[in-house]
Protein backbone atom coordinates (compact mmCIF):
# COMPACT_ATOMS: atom_id res chain seq x y z
CA MET A 1 0.00 0.00 0.00
CA PRO A 2 1.32 3.49 -0.83
CA GLY A 3 0.68 4.72 2.69
CA SER A 4 2.71 1.92 4.26
CA THR A 5 5.59 2.41 1.86
CA GLY A 6 5.72 6.12 2.57
CA SER A 7 5.63 5.60 6.32
CA GLY A 8 8.45 3.06 6.10
CA ALA A 9 10.55 5.46 4.04
CA VAL A 10 10.00 8.27 6.53
CA THR A 11 10.85 6.00 9.46
CA ARG A 12 14.08 4.84 7.84
CA SER A 13 15.02 8.38 6.87
CA THR A 14 14.41 9.58 10.43
CA LEU A 15 16.42 6.69 11.89
CA ARG A 16 19.27 7.37 9.47
CA GLN A 17 19.36 11.02 10.53
CA GLN A 18 19.24 10.12 14.21
CA ILE A 19 22.19 7.78 13.80
CA ALA A 20 24.12 10.35 11.77
CA ASP A 21 23.45 13.04 14.39
CA ALA A 22 24.49 10.71 17.22
CA LEU A 23 27.75 9.75 15.52
CA ARG A 24 28.51 13.37 14.64
CA ASP A 25 28.04 14.29 18.30
CA GLU A 26 30.36 11.43 19.30
CA VAL A 27 33.05 12.79 16.98
CA LEU A 28 32.61 16.38 18.18
CA ALA A 29 32.70 15.23 21.80
CA GLY A 30 36.00 13.46 21.14
CA ARG A 31 34.62 10.04 22.06
CA LEU A 32 35.29 8.90 18.51
CA GLY A 33 38.79 10.17 17.94
CA PRO A 34 40.64 10.77 14.67
CA GLY A 35 41.49 7.55 12.88
CA ARG A 36 38.98 5.51 14.89
CA ALA A 37 37.77 2.70 12.62
CA PHE A 38 34.48 0.82 12.78
CA THR A 39 32.17 -1.24 10.61
CA VAL A 40 28.51 -0.93 9.70
CA LYS A 41 27.84 -4.09 11.73
CA GLU A 42 29.53 -2.65 14.82
CA ILE A 43 27.44 0.52 14.75
CA ALA A 44 24.23 -1.39 13.95
CA GLU A 45 24.78 -3.63 16.96
CA GLN A 46 25.62 -0.65 19.17
CA TYR A 47 22.33 1.10 18.34
CA GLY A 48 20.27 -2.07 17.97
CA VAL A 49 19.14 -1.34 14.40
CA SER A 50 19.49 -2.91 10.97
CA ALA A 51 22.49 -2.30 8.75
CA THR A 52 20.67 -0.27 6.08
CA PRO A 53 20.06 3.02 7.96
CA VAL A 54 23.50 2.75 9.54
CA ARG A 55 25.19 2.39 6.16
CA GLU A 56 23.20 5.35 4.82
CA ALA A 57 24.15 7.44 7.87
CA LEU A 58 27.84 6.60 7.50
CA VAL A 59 27.80 7.41 3.78
CA ASN A 60 26.12 10.71 4.61
CA LEU A 61 28.78 11.57 7.20
CA SER A 62 31.49 10.62 4.70
CA ALA A 63 29.97 13.04 2.18
CA GLN A 64 30.12 15.74 4.85
CA GLY A 65 33.81 15.09 5.41
CA LEU A 66 33.55 13.66 8.94
CA LEU A 67 34.33 10.06 8.02
CA GLU A 68 36.35 8.29 5.37
CA SER A 69 35.40 5.04 3.69
CA ASP A 70 38.09 2.41 4.18
CA GLN A 71 37.50 0.40 1.01
CA HIS A 72 35.23 -2.52 1.90
CA ARG A 73 36.51 -2.75 5.47
CA GLY A 74 34.36 -0.03 7.00
CA PHE A 75 34.74 3.62 7.96
CA ARG A 76 37.03 5.70 10.12
CA VAL A 77 36.96 9.18 11.60
CA ARG A 78 38.77 11.55 9.31
CA GLU A 79 42.03 13.02 10.55
CA TYR A 80 42.44 16.69 9.68
CA SER A 81 45.78 18.46 9.48
CA VAL A 82 46.51 22.09 10.32
CA ALA A 83 46.71 22.71 6.58
CA ASP A 84 43.19 21.30 6.25
CA TYR A 85 42.01 23.62 9.01
CA ARG A 86 43.57 26.60 7.27
CA ASP A 87 41.82 25.68 4.01
CA ILE A 88 38.47 25.25 5.76
CA ILE A 89 38.79 28.70 7.34
CA GLU A 90 39.56 30.16 3.93
CA ALA A 91 36.53 28.42 2.40
CA ARG A 92 34.09 29.51 5.08
CA SER A 93 35.49 33.06 4.90
CA LEU A 94 34.67 33.19 1.19
CA VAL A 95 31.10 32.04 1.89
CA ILE A 96 30.66 34.63 4.64
CA GLU A 97 32.10 37.34 2.40
CA GLY A 98 29.50 36.47 -0.22
CA MET A 99 26.80 36.97 2.39
CA PHE A 100 28.25 40.33 3.40
CA LEU A 101 28.32 41.45 -0.23
CA ALA A 102 24.66 40.46 -0.58
CA LEU A 103 23.86 42.63 2.42
CA GLU A 104 25.80 45.59 0.99
CA ASP A 105 24.15 45.23 -2.42
CA GLY A 106 20.68 45.05 -0.92
CA HIS A 107 20.11 41.57 -2.34
CA GLU A 108 16.39 40.78 -2.32
CA GLY A 109 17.00 37.49 -0.54
CA TYR A 110 18.31 39.25 2.57
CA ARG A 111 15.61 39.64 5.17
CA ASN A 112 14.55 43.18 6.02
CA LEU A 113 15.61 43.60 9.64
CA GLU A 114 12.86 46.16 10.20
CA ASP A 115 10.30 43.42 9.64
CA PRO A 116 9.03 42.17 13.04
CA ARG A 117 9.57 38.51 12.12
CA ALA A 118 13.13 39.20 11.02
CA ALA A 119 13.78 41.24 14.17
CA ALA A 120 12.55 38.31 16.25
CA ALA A 121 14.86 35.98 14.31
CA VAL A 122 17.82 38.30 14.97
CA ALA A 123 16.94 38.37 18.67
CA GLY A 124 16.97 34.55 18.66
CA VAL A 125 20.38 34.49 16.97
CA ARG A 126 21.69 36.92 19.57
CA ARG A 127 20.43 34.71 22.41
CA ARG A 128 22.23 31.78 20.80
CA GLY A 129 25.37 33.94 20.70
CA GLU A 130 25.01 34.83 24.37
CA GLU A 131 24.83 31.15 25.29
CA ALA A 132 27.87 30.41 23.13
CA GLN A 133 29.81 33.19 24.83
CA ARG A 134 28.94 31.88 28.28
CA ALA A 135 30.08 28.40 27.29
CA ALA A 136 33.32 29.80 25.86
CA ALA A 137 34.01 31.77 29.05
CA ALA A 138 33.40 28.61 31.10
CA GLY A 139 35.60 26.55 28.80
CA ASP A 140 32.72 24.14 28.12
CA LEU A 141 33.59 22.97 24.63
CA THR A 142 30.67 20.59 24.15
CA VAL A 143 28.06 23.23 25.00
CA LEU A 144 29.92 25.84 22.96
CA ILE A 145 29.93 23.69 19.82
CA GLY A 146 26.19 23.08 20.05
CA TYR A 147 25.28 26.73 20.47
CA ASP A 148 27.92 27.91 17.99
CA LEU A 149 26.56 25.66 15.23
CA ARG A 150 23.01 26.84 15.91
CA PHE A 151 24.18 30.45 16.02
CA TRP A 152 25.81 30.32 12.59
CA ARG A 153 22.99 28.26 11.08
CA GLU A 154 20.36 30.78 12.17
CA LEU A 155 22.53 33.79 11.33
CA SER A 156 23.24 32.57 7.82
CA ALA A 157 19.53 31.89 7.27
CA LEU A 158 18.93 35.65 7.51
CA PHE A 159 20.78 36.09 4.23
CA GLY A 160 18.05 34.26 2.33
CA ASN A 161 20.15 31.71 0.44
CA PRO A 162 19.61 28.20 1.86
CA TYR A 163 22.37 26.72 -0.32
CA LEU A 164 24.99 29.07 1.12
CA ALA A 165 23.62 28.46 4.61
CA ASP A 166 23.87 24.67 4.20
CA PHE A 167 27.38 24.91 2.75
CA LEU A 168 28.54 27.15 5.59
CA HIS A 169 27.05 24.76 8.15
CA ARG A 170 28.94 21.87 6.61
CA LEU A 171 32.20 23.82 6.70
CA ARG A 172 31.62 24.83 10.30
CA VAL A 173 31.02 21.21 11.35
CA GLN A 174 34.23 20.20 9.56
CA SER A 175 36.19 23.00 11.22
CA TRP A 176 34.95 21.91 14.65
CA VAL A 177 35.81 18.27 13.93
CA CYS A 178 39.32 19.40 13.05
CA ALA A 179 39.62 21.75 16.03
CA VAL A 180 38.40 19.33 18.71
CA GLN A 181 41.08 16.86 17.73
CA HIS A 182 43.47 19.37 19.28
CA LEU A 183 41.32 21.24 21.81
CA ARG A 184 40.25 18.08 23.65
CA ARG A 185 43.83 17.61 24.78
CA LEU A 186 43.57 20.68 27.04
CA THR A 187 42.14 20.34 30.52
CA ASP A 188 41.21 24.03 30.88
CA LEU A 189 39.83 25.97 27.91
CA ARG A 190 38.69 29.05 29.79
CA GLY A 191 39.83 32.20 28.01
CA ARG A 192 41.11 30.30 24.98
CA LEU A 193 37.90 30.15 22.91
CA TRP A 194 36.49 32.85 20.65
CA SER A 195 33.46 34.60 22.13
CA ARG A 196 32.43 37.65 20.09
CA HIS A 197 29.18 36.24 18.72
CA THR A 198 26.94 39.06 19.93
CA GLU A 199 29.30 41.74 18.63
CA LEU A 200 28.99 40.18 15.17
CA VAL A 201 25.18 40.18 15.40
CA ASP A 202 25.17 43.82 16.49
CA ALA A 203 27.45 44.84 13.63
CA LEU A 204 25.29 43.11 11.03
CA SER A 205 22.10 44.51 12.57
CA GLN A 206 23.57 47.98 11.99
CA ARG A 207 24.69 46.92 8.49
CA ASP A 208 28.27 47.61 9.56
CA THR A 209 29.86 45.08 7.23
CA GLU A 210 33.34 46.52 7.68
CA GLY A 211 33.05 46.03 11.42
CA ALA A 212 31.71 42.52 10.84
CA ARG A 213 34.63 41.75 8.53
CA ALA A 214 37.09 42.88 11.20
CA ILE A 215 35.41 40.61 13.77
CA ILE A 216 35.56 37.63 11.39
CA ALA A 217 39.21 38.34 10.55
CA GLU A 218 40.09 38.43 14.25
CA TYR A 219 38.12 35.24 14.82
CA ASN A 220 39.92 33.38 12.05
CA ALA A 221 43.35 34.57 13.17
CA HIS A 222 42.62 33.64 16.79
CA SER A 223 41.28 30.17 15.92
CA LEU A 224 44.15 29.33 13.60
CA ALA A 225 46.77 30.54 16.08
CA VAL A 226 45.31 28.33 18.84
CA ILE A 227 45.25 25.22 16.65
CA GLU A 228 48.76 25.87 15.28
CA ARG A 229 50.18 26.22 18.81
CA LEU A 230 48.50 23.02 19.96
CA ALA A 231 49.64 21.12 16.84
CA ASP A 232 53.23 22.24 17.49
CA GLY A 233 52.99 20.87 21.01
């Protein structure tokens, strides 16, 4: 029956996404470290599900750059180098610059901040930024990553181009996967993590793109310097 087929497809799709989200969180939390190898069977047994949604989830995470397929032997967590991190920062900077240019040019896709719904969305982004800043000040990396990803996802949505927003989200996940491979080695992260989220929101709310660019440039330089120092030991 068509209804049954559709329901089964939705259930499998939802299960696949749940598994993908759970594994992504394991990687970001450092519980699945770089180079960690596993098979579809191992993950299926761990979550008590069939192999099909697990395989689909692992292929999805591989496409996002979090995992690598190890021929027919399974998958492993991708190991990122400092050079990779530098390239990711460059890529996400180019995406963000495109968004800033759209704002400066008055691109029709950008949401009018005077609109009450857009203003409410900006307020939500700012709250996300406040939570991220508190987590950064406390050195709570796990909480910071969660709020930071939501912050950038919601901020980029204001620019009206879902393809750019999705691409930026993917790059930000990859940059965090790369960064945590180094940051998790530190026992105290207080004062080491970037925390100018609300300043960026305020600058964009005032259409101060030059100020926003300066904040992003400082953010990139700070992040890269931290990872380079940790990589050098």
